[in-house]
Amino acid sequence: MKNYAFGAAVVGALAAGGLGLATTAQASAAPTATTAAETIATLQANGYRVILNKVGAEPLSECSVAAIRPGRTITDTVTAGGGDTKSEILYTTAYVDVRCPSAAP
């Protein structure tokens, strides 16, 4: 389910930033974030740990998202009773590439 939600977040962030679909993702109820700060906040609100790659010196509220890439899912092994163990998802990472106006080519 997390991968499906991540796909929706990717599609929403890219569409809102006017960047088109630069990555393959599944679409559903996508967020309507318009700045990098809003996109990052949306991902964090959905439980993702965001790793930011920012080009430029402006605040995130003035920058746009260039790409969002899925990261690793971090798990932990916990006891499930009766001597069994199971993997529990702790969090999933998301890589967000951000471009600010001063970094325009």
PDB file of N, CA and C in Angstrom:
ATOM      1  N   MET A   1       0.822  -1.192   0.000  1.00  0.00           N
ATOM      2  CA  MET A   1       0.000   0.000   0.000  1.00  0.00           C
ATOM      3  C   MET A   1       0.864   1.253   0.000  1.00  0.00           C
ATOM      4  N   LYS A   2       2.012   1.204   0.717  1.00  0.00           N
ATOM      5  CA  LYS A   2       2.906   2.354   0.772  1.00  0.00           C
ATOM      6  C   LYS A   2       3.428   2.695  -0.623  1.00  0.00           C
ATOM      7  N   ASN A   3       3.755   1.665  -1.435  1.00  0.00           N
ATOM      8  CA  ASN A   3       4.269   1.932  -2.771  1.00  0.00           C
ATOM      9  C   ASN A   3       3.216   2.622  -3.625  1.00  0.00           C
ATOM     10  N   TYR A   4       1.961   2.242  -3.484  1.00  0.00           N
ATOM     11  CA  TYR A   4       0.874   2.858  -4.239  1.00  0.00           C
ATOM     12  C   TYR A   4       0.707   4.308  -3.813  1.00  0.00           C
ATOM     13  N   ALA A   5       0.776   4.567  -2.501  1.00  0.00           N
ATOM     14  CA  ALA A   5       0.661   5.941  -2.000  1.00  0.00           C
ATOM     15  C   ALA A   5       1.845   6.765  -2.471  1.00  0.00           C
ATOM     16  N   PHE A   6       3.024   6.189  -2.503  1.00  0.00           N
ATOM     17  CA  PHE A   6       4.195   6.906  -2.981  1.00  0.00           C
ATOM     18  C   PHE A   6       4.036   7.256  -4.454  1.00  0.00           C
ATOM     19  N   GLY A   7       3.524   6.320  -5.237  1.00  0.00           N
ATOM     20  CA  GLY A   7       3.282   6.585  -6.654  1.00  0.00           C
ATOM     21  C   GLY A   7       2.338   7.750  -6.840  1.00  0.00           C
ATOM     22  N   ALA A   8       1.307   7.818  -6.022  1.00  0.00           N
ATOM     23  CA  ALA A   8       0.354   8.923  -6.098  1.00  0.00           C
ATOM     24  C   ALA A   8       1.024  10.237  -5.732  1.00  0.00           C
ATOM     25  N   ALA A   9       1.872  10.211  -4.726  1.00  0.00           N
ATOM     26  CA  ALA A   9       2.577  11.429  -4.319  1.00  0.00           C
ATOM     27  C   ALA A   9       3.523  11.896  -5.415  1.00  0.00           C
ATOM     28  N   VAL A  10       4.188  10.959  -6.072  1.00  0.00           N
ATOM     29  CA  VAL A  10       5.111  11.307  -7.159  1.00  0.00           C
ATOM     30  C   VAL A  10       4.349  11.964  -8.304  1.00  0.00           C
ATOM     31  N   VAL A  11       3.248  11.355  -8.712  1.00  0.00           N
ATOM     32  CA  VAL A  11       2.466  11.897  -9.815  1.00  0.00           C
ATOM     33  C   VAL A  11       1.945  13.282  -9.470  1.00  0.00           C
ATOM     34  N   GLY A  12       1.411  13.443  -8.286  1.00  0.00           N
ATOM     35  CA  GLY A  12       0.871  14.736  -7.879  1.00  0.00           C
ATOM     36  C   GLY A  12       1.918  15.817  -7.830  1.00  0.00           C
ATOM     37  N   ALA A  13       3.060  15.506  -7.282  1.00  0.00           N
ATOM     38  CA  ALA A  13       4.123  16.510  -7.164  1.00  0.00           C
ATOM     39  C   ALA A  13       4.653  16.909  -8.532  1.00  0.00           C
ATOM     40  N   LEU A  14       4.839  15.944  -9.414  1.00  0.00           N
ATOM     41  CA  LEU A  14       5.349  16.270 -10.736  1.00  0.00           C
ATOM     42  C   LEU A  14       4.323  17.031 -11.563  1.00  0.00           C
ATOM     43  N   ALA A  15       3.075  16.631 -11.482  1.00  0.00           N
ATOM     44  CA  ALA A  15       2.028  17.325 -12.235  1.00  0.00           C
ATOM     45  C   ALA A  15       1.843  18.745 -11.712  1.00  0.00           C
ATOM     46  N   ALA A  16       1.855  18.909 -10.411  1.00  0.00           N
ATOM     47  CA  ALA A  16       1.672  20.235  -9.824  1.00  0.00           C
ATOM     48  C   ALA A  16       2.832  21.150 -10.168  1.00  0.00           C
ATOM     49  N   GLY A  17       4.024  20.588 -10.315  1.00  0.00           N
ATOM     50  CA  GLY A  17       5.187  21.391 -10.651  1.00  0.00           C
ATOM     51  C   GLY A  17       5.304  21.657 -12.147  1.00  0.00           C
ATOM     52  N   GLY A  18       4.359  21.148 -12.928  1.00  0.00           N
ATOM     53  CA  GLY A  18       4.384  21.381 -14.366  1.00  0.00           C
ATOM     54  C   GLY A  18       5.532  20.655 -15.053  1.00  0.00           C
ATOM     55  N   LEU A  19       6.002  19.582 -14.461  1.00  0.00           N
ATOM     56  CA  LEU A  19       7.166  18.890 -15.003  1.00  0.00           C
ATOM     57  C   LEU A  19       6.795  17.669 -15.833  1.00  0.00           C
ATOM     58  N   GLY A  20       5.526  17.328 -15.868  1.00  0.00           N
ATOM     59  CA  GLY A  20       5.113  16.145 -16.602  1.00  0.00           C
ATOM     60  C   GLY A  20       5.442  14.892 -15.829  1.00  0.00           C
ATOM     61  N   LEU A  21       5.257  13.755 -16.434  1.00  0.00           N
ATOM     62  CA  LEU A  21       5.527  12.494 -15.766  1.00  0.00           C
ATOM     63  C   LEU A  21       6.929  12.019 -16.126  1.00  0.00           C
ATOM     64  N   ALA A  22       7.908  12.467 -15.361  1.00  0.00           N
ATOM     65  CA  ALA A  22       9.295  12.105 -15.617  1.00  0.00           C
ATOM     66  C   ALA A  22       9.639  10.744 -15.041  1.00  0.00           C
ATOM     67  N   THR A  23       8.725  10.165 -14.323  1.00  0.00           N
ATOM     68  CA  THR A  23       8.960   8.859 -13.728  1.00  0.00           C
ATOM     69  C   THR A  23       7.699   8.037 -13.846  1.00  0.00           C
ATOM     70  N   THR A  24       7.825   6.715 -13.817  1.00  0.00           N
ATOM     71  CA  THR A  24       6.640   5.890 -13.864  1.00  0.00           C
ATOM     72  C   THR A  24       6.060   5.792 -12.469  1.00  0.00           C
ATOM     73  N   ALA A  25       4.767   5.966 -12.377  1.00  0.00           N
ATOM     74  CA  ALA A  25       4.100   5.918 -11.089  1.00  0.00           C
ATOM     75  C   ALA A  25       2.633   5.622 -11.315  1.00  0.00           C
ATOM     76  N   GLN A  26       1.988   5.196 -10.272  1.00  0.00           N
ATOM     77  CA  GLN A  26       0.571   4.912 -10.338  1.00  0.00           C
ATOM     78  C   GLN A  26      -0.185   6.145  -9.888  1.00  0.00           C
ATOM     79  N   ALA A  27      -1.286   6.445 -10.568  1.00  0.00           N
ATOM     80  CA  ALA A  27      -2.048   7.643 -10.234  1.00  0.00           C
ATOM     81  C   ALA A  27      -3.278   7.284  -9.419  1.00  0.00           C
ATOM     82  N   SER A  28      -3.580   8.125  -8.482  1.00  0.00           N
ATOM     83  CA  SER A  28      -4.847   8.073  -7.764  1.00  0.00           C
ATOM     84  C   SER A  28      -5.068   9.463  -7.205  1.00  0.00           C
ATOM     85  N   ALA A  29      -5.597   9.577  -6.003  1.00  0.00           N
ATOM     86  CA  ALA A  29      -5.846  10.886  -5.397  1.00  0.00           C
ATOM     87  C   ALA A  29      -4.513  11.549  -5.097  1.00  0.00           C
ATOM     88  N   ALA A  30      -4.029  12.344  -6.013  1.00  0.00           N
ATOM     89  CA  ALA A  30      -2.698  12.937  -5.903  1.00  0.00           C
ATOM     90  C   ALA A  30      -2.735  14.250  -5.140  1.00  0.00           C
ATOM     91  N   PRO A  31      -1.673  14.550  -4.378  1.00  0.00           N
ATOM     92  CA  PRO A  31      -1.615  15.818  -3.676  1.00  0.00           C
ATOM     93  C   PRO A  31      -1.481  16.969  -4.668  1.00  0.00           C
ATOM     94  N   THR A  32      -1.891  18.150  -4.253  1.00  0.00           N
ATOM     95  CA  THR A  32      -1.853  19.298  -5.150  1.00  0.00           C
ATOM     96  C   THR A  32      -0.825  20.327  -4.688  1.00  0.00           C
ATOM     97  N   ALA A  33       0.297  19.879  -4.191  1.00  0.00           N
ATOM     98  CA  ALA A  33       1.357  20.776  -3.715  1.00  0.00           C
ATOM     99  C   ALA A  33       1.915  21.574  -4.887  1.00  0.00           C
ATOM    100  N   THR A  34       2.246  22.836  -4.631  1.00  0.00           N
ATOM    101  CA  THR A  34       2.778  23.673  -5.702  1.00  0.00           C
ATOM    102  C   THR A  34       4.228  24.074  -5.475  1.00  0.00           C
ATOM    103  N   THR A  35       4.738  24.003  -4.263  1.00  0.00           N
ATOM    104  CA  THR A  35       6.137  24.334  -4.007  1.00  0.00           C
ATOM    105  C   THR A  35       6.853  23.105  -3.471  1.00  0.00           C
ATOM    106  N   ALA A  36       8.169  23.189  -3.447  1.00  0.00           N
ATOM    107  CA  ALA A  36       8.959  22.087  -2.901  1.00  0.00           C
ATOM    108  C   ALA A  36       8.618  21.867  -1.434  1.00  0.00           C
ATOM    109  N   ALA A  37       8.418  22.953  -0.684  1.00  0.00           N
ATOM    110  CA  ALA A  37       8.093  22.832   0.742  1.00  0.00           C
ATOM    111  C   ALA A  37       6.787  22.081   0.940  1.00  0.00           C
ATOM    112  N   GLU A  38       5.786  22.380   0.109  1.00  0.00           N
ATOM    113  CA  GLU A  38       4.491  21.696   0.234  1.00  0.00           C
ATOM    114  C   GLU A  38       4.601  20.228  -0.157  1.00  0.00           C
ATOM    115  N   THR A  39       5.369  19.947  -1.196  1.00  0.00           N
ATOM    116  CA  THR A  39       5.563  18.558  -1.623  1.00  0.00           C
ATOM    117  C   THR A  39       6.254  17.752  -0.534  1.00  0.00           C
ATOM    118  N   ILE A  40       7.298  18.314   0.050  1.00  0.00           N
ATOM    119  CA  ILE A  40       8.029  17.628   1.118  1.00  0.00           C
ATOM    120  C   ILE A  40       7.128  17.414   2.320  1.00  0.00           C
ATOM    121  N   ALA A  41       6.350  18.421   2.686  1.00  0.00           N
ATOM    122  CA  ALA A  41       5.426  18.300   3.818  1.00  0.00           C
ATOM    123  C   ALA A  41       4.392  17.206   3.560  1.00  0.00           C
ATOM    124  N   THR A  42       3.909  17.106   2.328  1.00  0.00           N
ATOM    125  CA  THR A  42       2.936  16.070   1.978  1.00  0.00           C
ATOM    126  C   THR A  42       3.544  14.683   2.111  1.00  0.00           C
ATOM    127  N   LEU A  43       4.753  14.511   1.600  1.00  0.00           N
ATOM    128  CA  LEU A  43       5.428  13.220   1.721  1.00  0.00           C
ATOM    129  C   LEU A  43       5.663  12.858   3.186  1.00  0.00           C
ATOM    130  N   GLN A  44       6.136  13.821   3.983  1.00  0.00           N
ATOM    131  CA  GLN A  44       6.379  13.562   5.398  1.00  0.00           C
ATOM    132  C   GLN A  44       5.082  13.242   6.134  1.00  0.00           C
ATOM    133  N   ALA A  45       3.999  13.913   5.784  1.00  0.00           N
ATOM    134  CA  ALA A  45       2.703  13.642   6.414  1.00  0.00           C
ATOM    135  C   ALA A  45       2.210  12.234   6.091  1.00  0.00           C
ATOM    136  N   ASN A  46       2.671  11.690   4.964  1.00  0.00           N
ATOM    137  CA  ASN A  46       2.308  10.328   4.579  1.00  0.00           C
ATOM    138  C   ASN A  46       3.302   9.297   5.107  1.00  0.00           C
ATOM    139  N   GLY A  47       4.218   9.714   5.981  1.00  0.00           N
ATOM    140  CA  GLY A  47       5.109   8.781   6.652  1.00  0.00           C
ATOM    141  C   GLY A  47       6.460   8.562   5.992  1.00  0.00           C
ATOM    142  N   TYR A  48       6.785   9.314   4.966  1.00  0.00           N
ATOM    143  CA  TYR A  48       8.064   9.143   4.291  1.00  0.00           C
ATOM    144  C   TYR A  48       9.156   9.954   4.977  1.00  0.00           C
ATOM    145  N   ARG A  49      10.382   9.427   4.954  1.00  0.00           N
ATOM    146  CA  ARG A  49      11.558  10.165   5.384  1.00  0.00           C
ATOM    147  C   ARG A  49      12.151  10.763   4.115  1.00  0.00           C
ATOM    148  N   VAL A  50      12.185  12.061   4.019  1.00  0.00           N
ATOM    149  CA  VAL A  50      12.614  12.739   2.805  1.00  0.00           C
ATOM    150  C   VAL A  50      14.104  13.032   2.859  1.00  0.00           C
ATOM    151  N   ILE A  51      14.792  12.662   1.786  1.00  0.00           N
ATOM    152  CA  ILE A  51      16.190  13.006   1.605  1.00  0.00           C
ATOM    153  C   ILE A  51      16.224  14.034   0.490  1.00  0.00           C
ATOM    154  N   LEU A  52      16.686  15.238   0.824  1.00  0.00           N
ATOM    155  CA  LEU A  52      16.610  16.379  -0.068  1.00  0.00           C
ATOM    156  C   LEU A  52      17.914  16.610  -0.806  1.00  0.00           C
ATOM    157  N   ASN A  53      17.824  16.849  -2.110  1.00  0.00           N
ATOM    158  CA  ASN A  53      18.952  17.248  -2.943  1.00  0.00           C
ATOM    159  C   ASN A  53      18.560  18.593  -3.542  1.00  0.00           C
ATOM    160  N   LYS A  54      19.076  19.678  -2.973  1.00  0.00           N
ATOM    161  CA  LYS A  54      18.652  21.033  -3.347  1.00  0.00           C
ATOM    162  C   LYS A  54      19.747  21.756  -4.114  1.00  0.00           C
ATOM    163  N   VAL A  55      19.358  22.394  -5.234  1.00  0.00           N
ATOM    164  CA  VAL A  55      20.269  23.218  -6.017  1.00  0.00           C
ATOM    165  C   VAL A  55      19.744  24.645  -5.962  1.00  0.00           C
ATOM    166  N   GLY A  56      20.514  25.539  -5.357  1.00  0.00           N
ATOM    167  CA  GLY A  56      20.107  26.929  -5.214  1.00  0.00           C
ATOM    168  C   GLY A  56      20.046  27.320  -3.749  1.00  0.00           C
ATOM    169  N   ALA A  57      19.975  28.630  -3.495  1.00  0.00           N
ATOM    170  CA  ALA A  57      20.059  29.137  -2.124  1.00  0.00           C
ATOM    171  C   ALA A  57      18.733  29.637  -1.557  1.00  0.00           C
ATOM    172  N   GLU A  58      17.690  29.724  -2.364  1.00  0.00           N
ATOM    173  CA  GLU A  58      16.420  30.248  -1.887  1.00  0.00           C
ATOM    174  C   GLU A  58      15.754  29.283  -0.910  1.00  0.00           C
ATOM    175  N   PRO A  59      14.782  29.798  -0.122  1.00  0.00           N
ATOM    176  CA  PRO A  59      14.024  28.907   0.750  1.00  0.00           C
ATOM    177  C   PRO A  59      13.187  27.934  -0.083  1.00  0.00           C
ATOM    178  N   LEU A  60      12.858  26.797   0.496  1.00  0.00           N
ATOM    179  CA  LEU A  60      12.093  25.776  -0.219  1.00  0.00           C
ATOM    180  C   LEU A  60      10.761  26.301  -0.738  1.00  0.00           C
ATOM    181  N   SER A  61      10.185  27.280  -0.068  1.00  0.00           N
ATOM    182  CA  SER A  61       8.893  27.819  -0.504  1.00  0.00           C
ATOM    183  C   SER A  61       8.988  28.527  -1.852  1.00  0.00           C
ATOM    184  N   GLU A  62      10.208  28.844  -2.310  1.00  0.00           N
ATOM    185  CA  GLU A  62      10.400  29.507  -3.603  1.00  0.00           C
ATOM    186  C   GLU A  62      10.966  28.569  -4.666  1.00  0.00           C
ATOM    187  N   CYS A  63      11.139  27.307  -4.321  1.00  0.00           N
ATOM    188  CA  CYS A  63      11.764  26.335  -5.222  1.00  0.00           C
ATOM    189  C   CYS A  63      10.727  25.365  -5.764  1.00  0.00           C
ATOM    190  N   SER A  64      11.109  24.672  -6.833  1.00  0.00           N
ATOM    191  CA  SER A  64      10.210  23.680  -7.422  1.00  0.00           C
ATOM    192  C   SER A  64      10.862  22.299  -7.385  1.00  0.00           C
ATOM    193  N   VAL A  65      10.030  21.286  -7.468  1.00  0.00           N
ATOM    194  CA  VAL A  65      10.500  19.905  -7.441  1.00  0.00           C
ATOM    195  C   VAL A  65      10.907  19.494  -8.847  1.00  0.00           C
ATOM    196  N   ALA A  66      12.123  19.008  -8.983  1.00  0.00           N
ATOM    197  CA  ALA A  66      12.619  18.532 -10.269  1.00  0.00           C
ATOM    198  C   ALA A  66      12.356  17.040 -10.433  1.00  0.00           C
ATOM    199  N   ALA A  67      12.410  16.281  -9.334  1.00  0.00           N
ATOM    200  CA  ALA A  67      12.178  14.834  -9.397  1.00  0.00           C
ATOM    201  C   ALA A  67      11.914  14.296  -8.005  1.00  0.00           C
ATOM    202  N   ILE A  68      11.155  13.218  -7.969  1.00  0.00           N
ATOM    203  CA  ILE A  68      10.943  12.459  -6.740  1.00  0.00           C
ATOM    204  C   ILE A  68      11.215  11.009  -7.084  1.00  0.00           C
ATOM    205  N   ARG A  69      12.073  10.387  -6.279  1.00  0.00           N
ATOM    206  CA  ARG A  69      12.423   8.994  -6.520  1.00  0.00           C
ATOM    207  C   ARG A  69      12.187   8.184  -5.258  1.00  0.00           C
ATOM    208  N   PRO A  70      11.673   6.978  -5.396  1.00  0.00           N
ATOM    209  CA  PRO A  70      11.473   6.143  -4.220  1.00  0.00           C
ATOM    210  C   PRO A  70      12.802   5.671  -3.651  1.00  0.00           C
ATOM    211  N   GLY A  71      12.850   5.541  -2.348  1.00  0.00           N
ATOM    212  CA  GLY A  71      14.035   5.027  -1.674  1.00  0.00           C
ATOM    213  C   GLY A  71      13.745   3.665  -1.072  1.00  0.00           C
ATOM    214  N   ARG A  72      14.591   3.269  -0.150  1.00  0.00           N
ATOM    215  CA  ARG A  72      14.446   1.970   0.504  1.00  0.00           C
ATOM    216  C   ARG A  72      13.371   1.996   1.571  1.00  0.00           C
ATOM    217  N   THR A  73      12.779   0.853   1.787  1.00  0.00           N
ATOM    218  CA  THR A  73      11.886   0.656   2.913  1.00  0.00           C
ATOM    219  C   THR A  73      12.727   0.077   4.034  1.00  0.00           C
ATOM    220  N   ILE A  74      12.729   0.727   5.181  1.00  0.00           N
ATOM    221  CA  ILE A  74      13.523   0.293   6.320  1.00  0.00           C
ATOM    222  C   ILE A  74      12.631  -0.543   7.233  1.00  0.00           C
ATOM    223  N   THR A  75      13.078  -1.745   7.525  1.00  0.00           N
ATOM    224  CA  THR A  75      12.288  -2.667   8.334  1.00  0.00           C
ATOM    225  C   THR A  75      13.072  -3.094   9.568  1.00  0.00           C
ATOM    226  N   ASP A  76      12.333  -3.695  10.493  1.00  0.00           N
ATOM    227  CA  ASP A  76      12.924  -4.251  11.702  1.00  0.00           C
ATOM    228  C   ASP A  76      12.271  -5.600  11.935  1.00  0.00           C
ATOM    229  N   THR A  77      13.013  -6.543  12.459  1.00  0.00           N
ATOM    230  CA  THR A  77      12.471  -7.846  12.785  1.00  0.00           C
ATOM    231  C   THR A  77      11.966  -7.821  14.220  1.00  0.00           C
ATOM    232  N   VAL A  78      10.696  -8.157  14.387  1.00  0.00           N
ATOM    233  CA  VAL A  78      10.078  -8.162  15.711  1.00  0.00           C
ATOM    234  C   VAL A  78       9.481  -9.536  15.983  1.00  0.00           C
ATOM    235  N   THR A  79       9.297  -9.841  17.261  1.00  0.00           N
ATOM    236  CA  THR A  79       8.696 -11.122  17.613  1.00  0.00           C
ATOM    237  C   THR A  79       7.202 -11.087  17.329  1.00  0.00           C
ATOM    238  N   ALA A  80       6.697 -12.209  16.844  1.00  0.00           N
ATOM    239  CA  ALA A  80       5.291 -12.308  16.481  1.00  0.00           C
ATOM    240  C   ALA A  80       4.539 -13.259  17.399  1.00  0.00           C
ATOM    241  N   GLY A  81       5.203 -13.716  18.443  1.00  0.00           N
ATOM    242  CA  GLY A  81       4.572 -14.659  19.363  1.00  0.00           C
ATOM    243  C   GLY A  81       4.846 -16.095  18.935  1.00  0.00           C
ATOM    244  N   GLY A  82       4.905 -16.955  19.892  1.00  0.00           N
ATOM    245  CA  GLY A  82       5.145 -18.362  19.607  1.00  0.00           C
ATOM    246  C   GLY A  82       6.528 -18.631  19.048  1.00  0.00           C
ATOM    247  N   GLY A  83       7.462 -17.718  19.293  1.00  0.00           N
ATOM    248  CA  GLY A  83       8.824 -17.898  18.809  1.00  0.00           C
ATOM    249  C   GLY A  83       9.026 -17.463  17.372  1.00  0.00           C
ATOM    250  N   ASP A  84       7.966 -17.020  16.705  1.00  0.00           N
ATOM    251  CA  ASP A  84       8.084 -16.553  15.325  1.00  0.00           C
ATOM    252  C   ASP A  84       8.517 -15.090  15.292  1.00  0.00           C
ATOM    253  N   THR A  85       9.032 -14.694  14.155  1.00  0.00           N
ATOM    254  CA  THR A  85       9.381 -13.290  13.945  1.00  0.00           C
ATOM    255  C   THR A  85       8.723 -12.807  12.654  1.00  0.00           C
ATOM    256  N   LYS A  86       8.599 -11.485  12.545  1.00  0.00           N
ATOM    257  CA  LYS A  86       8.069 -10.897  11.315  1.00  0.00           C
ATOM    258  C   LYS A  86       8.777  -9.569  11.070  1.00  0.00           C
ATOM    259  N   SER A  87       8.758  -9.133   9.828  1.00  0.00           N
ATOM    260  CA  SER A  87       9.343  -7.845   9.481  1.00  0.00           C
ATOM    261  C   SER A  87       8.290  -6.765   9.646  1.00  0.00           C
ATOM    262  N   GLU A  88       8.687  -5.675  10.303  1.00  0.00           N
ATOM    263  CA  GLU A  88       7.797  -4.537  10.504  1.00  0.00           C
ATOM    264  C   GLU A  88       8.407  -3.329   9.804  1.00  0.00           C
ATOM    265  N   ILE A  89       7.616  -2.642   8.997  1.00  0.00           N
ATOM    266  CA  ILE A  89       8.114  -1.462   8.290  1.00  0.00           C
ATOM    267  C   ILE A  89       8.246  -0.313   9.281  1.00  0.00           C
ATOM    268  N   LEU A  90       9.442   0.258   9.360  1.00  0.00           N
ATOM    269  CA  LEU A  90       9.668   1.419  10.204  1.00  0.00           C
ATOM    270  C   LEU A  90       9.372   2.705   9.439  1.00  0.00           C
ATOM    271  N   TYR A  91       9.904   2.795   8.225  1.00  0.00           N
ATOM    272  CA  TYR A  91       9.638   3.944   7.359  1.00  0.00           C
ATOM    273  C   TYR A  91      10.164   3.655   5.962  1.00  0.00           C
ATOM    274  N   THR A  92       9.753   4.492   5.010  1.00  0.00           N
ATOM    275  CA  THR A  92      10.226   4.421   3.636  1.00  0.00           C
ATOM    276  C   THR A  92      10.845   5.766   3.291  1.00  0.00           C
ATOM    277  N   THR A  93      11.963   5.725   2.594  1.00  0.00           N
ATOM    278  CA  THR A  93      12.613   6.975   2.202  1.00  0.00           C
ATOM    279  C   THR A  93      12.111   7.417   0.828  1.00  0.00           C
ATOM    280  N   ALA A  94      12.187   8.723   0.605  1.00  0.00           N
ATOM    281  CA  ALA A  94      11.877   9.311  -0.692  1.00  0.00           C
ATOM    282  C   ALA A  94      12.939  10.362  -0.980  1.00  0.00           C
ATOM    283  N   TYR A  95      13.502  10.317  -2.168  1.00  0.00           N
ATOM    284  CA  TYR A  95      14.509  11.290  -2.582  1.00  0.00           C
ATOM    285  C   TYR A  95      13.820  12.398  -3.377  1.00  0.00           C
ATOM    286  N   VAL A  96      14.002  13.638  -2.945  1.00  0.00           N
ATOM    287  CA  VAL A  96      13.374  14.774  -3.614  1.00  0.00           C
ATOM    288  C   VAL A  96      14.471  15.698  -4.132  1.00  0.00           C
ATOM    289  N   ASP A  97      14.498  15.873  -5.457  1.00  0.00           N
ATOM    290  CA  ASP A  97      15.428  16.803  -6.091  1.00  0.00           C
ATOM    291  C   ASP A  97      14.711  18.129  -6.273  1.00  0.00           C
ATOM    292  N   VAL A  98      15.321  19.220  -5.776  1.00  0.00           N
ATOM    293  CA  VAL A  98      14.699  20.537  -5.782  1.00  0.00           C
ATOM    294  C   VAL A  98      15.593  21.512  -6.546  1.00  0.00           C
ATOM    295  N   ARG A  99      14.969  22.355  -7.371  1.00  0.00           N
ATOM    296  CA  ARG A  99      15.700  23.387  -8.106  1.00  0.00           C
ATOM    297  C   ARG A  99      15.112  24.743  -7.732  1.00  0.00           C
ATOM    298  N   CYS A 100      15.994  25.667  -7.359  1.00  0.00           N
ATOM    299  CA  CYS A 100      15.585  27.017  -6.988  1.00  0.00           C
ATOM    300  C   CYS A 100      15.868  27.980  -8.140  1.00  0.00           C
ATOM    301  N   PRO A 101      15.175  29.125  -8.179  1.00  0.00           N
ATOM    302  CA  PRO A 101      15.331  30.072  -9.291  1.00  0.00           C
ATOM    303  C   PRO A 101      16.771  30.493  -9.567  1.00  0.00           C
ATOM    304  N   SER A 102      17.591  30.649  -8.542  1.00  0.00           N
ATOM    305  CA  SER A 102      18.980  31.092  -8.764  1.00  0.00           C
ATOM    306  C   SER A 102      19.820  30.032  -9.458  1.00  0.00           C
ATOM    307  N   ALA A 103      19.335  28.785  -9.492  1.00  0.00           N
ATOM    308  CA  ALA A 103      20.083  27.693 -10.106  1.00  0.00           C
ATOM    309  C   ALA A 103      19.643  27.431 -11.536  1.00  0.00           C
ATOM    310  N   ALA A 104      18.838  28.333 -12.122  1.00  0.00           N
ATOM    311  CA  ALA A 104      18.365  28.126 -13.495  1.00  0.00           C
ATOM    312  C   ALA A 104      19.560  28.080 -14.452  1.00  0.00           C
ATOM    313  N   PRO A 105      19.490  27.191 -15.449  1.00  0.00           N
ATOM    314  CA  PRO A 105      20.625  27.032 -16.379  1.00  0.00           C
ATOM    315  C   PRO A 105      20.886  28.235 -17.236  1.00  0.00           C
TER     316      PRO A 105
END
